[in-house]
Amino acid sequence: MPDRMTRRQFVRDTAAAGAALAAAGRLPQIVSAGNAEKADTRGILNYNADMEYRRCGKTGWMVSAACLGGHWKRVNAMVPGLFQGASWLSANVDNPDFQRNRYDVVTRCIERGINYIDACTGAEIQAYSKALEGRRDKMYLGWSWYEREARNPNQCNGDALMEVFEDSLRVCKQEYVDLYRIVCGVDGRRGKNGEWIYPHTEAESAGIAEGLRRAKKSGKARATGISSHDLPWLKYMMETFPDVIDVVITPYTAKTKMLPGDETGFYAAVKKCDCGFFGIKPFAGTSLFRGDSSPGNPHEEDDNRMARLVIRAILCNPAITAPIPGMINVQQVDNVSLAVMERRELDHEERAELDRAMDRAWANLPYHYQWLKNWEYI
């Protein structure tokens, strides 16, 4: 117990120190690939000169410009027969070939200088905890057991959320997580009078914040945040609970654009509240791709080029910390890492090619992803 308490104090104190350095202006917003800024990189976790790093808001962490998302939607192309049902959520995480696949992908991420993994399901936190055994210090780990958290209104209180958080650490044999980022309600809606109704009530929102506050105070979560598909509610949470909303996570594709003149909306709140900002669904699920994502498939070259164009386009927005695509093999890790090193701005021909590909992706969205079309303008 004394050793564990020392460890908890350590992660709490280092988080505070990183935030203090950032506040003092000693950390740059971006350290580009090649480090043209000649920044002191000793404090960057798992630094690789070929990777770009961006300051993750008030956490003070310098996070790789591309990270590993938790989902493994097409991993059955690498491990045939893995899915025990129709969905990727049915993957048999005890399958040794699957465990080797996740270990190899994480290994390549470490080799490429990627330093953040985002896991948000019970299966994901268990799979990535196992894949990080013996090298936990190489990665920031984002964490949520969404099936047991805030999408159930009965769980939107400090007691319930702390019980799930403590249980998740026990099940995954972790002493702490870097980012406890609760998966919250998906979408708000318009009321009869045109007013926006949040996916959570004020009481539920306060309960979510209290759960995050307790996790951070315990020393078992270095930083805290939330994910949602509802931008007005995310803005409300950032501004109402700035002590616990260090990071926000929300969809961001190559079609996503900020509405002109938005000085009071979501992006303005991200900047004002100094929050890290991760983007999910960069490839519109898998609708961007023509192939099955397996190495050597007939569409591999074109799909890889499209994926790099998407990453480059997203990183043109300096407000975003990083896109977090799910990746199913080491070739995809290499491809995403290459995109970070390529010329950032797209030329007219590239932009037109990407626009055509994204129009096709929009047309190919399955019924349960039609909501992504609401994310073209935010």
Foldseek 3Di string as FASTA:
>chain_A
DVVLVVVLVVLQVVQVVLLVCVVVVLDDQKQAQQRPVPHDCPQAFLDDSLWMWGQFFSSNHTFTQEAAEQQQFLLCVVVPPQAPDDGSVRGDLVPVSQLVQLLQQVVLCSVLSGAEYEHAALSSLQSVLSSCVPPVSRHQYEDHHAVQAAQPLVRLAQVNLLVVVVVSCVVNVHSAHAEDAYEHEAEWDADPVRDTGDSDDPSSLVRNLNNQVVNSVVSRYNAYAYEYQYFVVRLVSCVVRLVHHQAYEHADELLFDEDPPPCPTRLVSCVVSRHAYEHECHCLQVLLFPDSQDPPTPRVVVSLVLLLLSSLSVVVDSSHRHYHYHHRHSVSVVSNSVSSNDDRDDDPVSVVVNVVSVVSSQVRRPPVSVCCVVRSYD
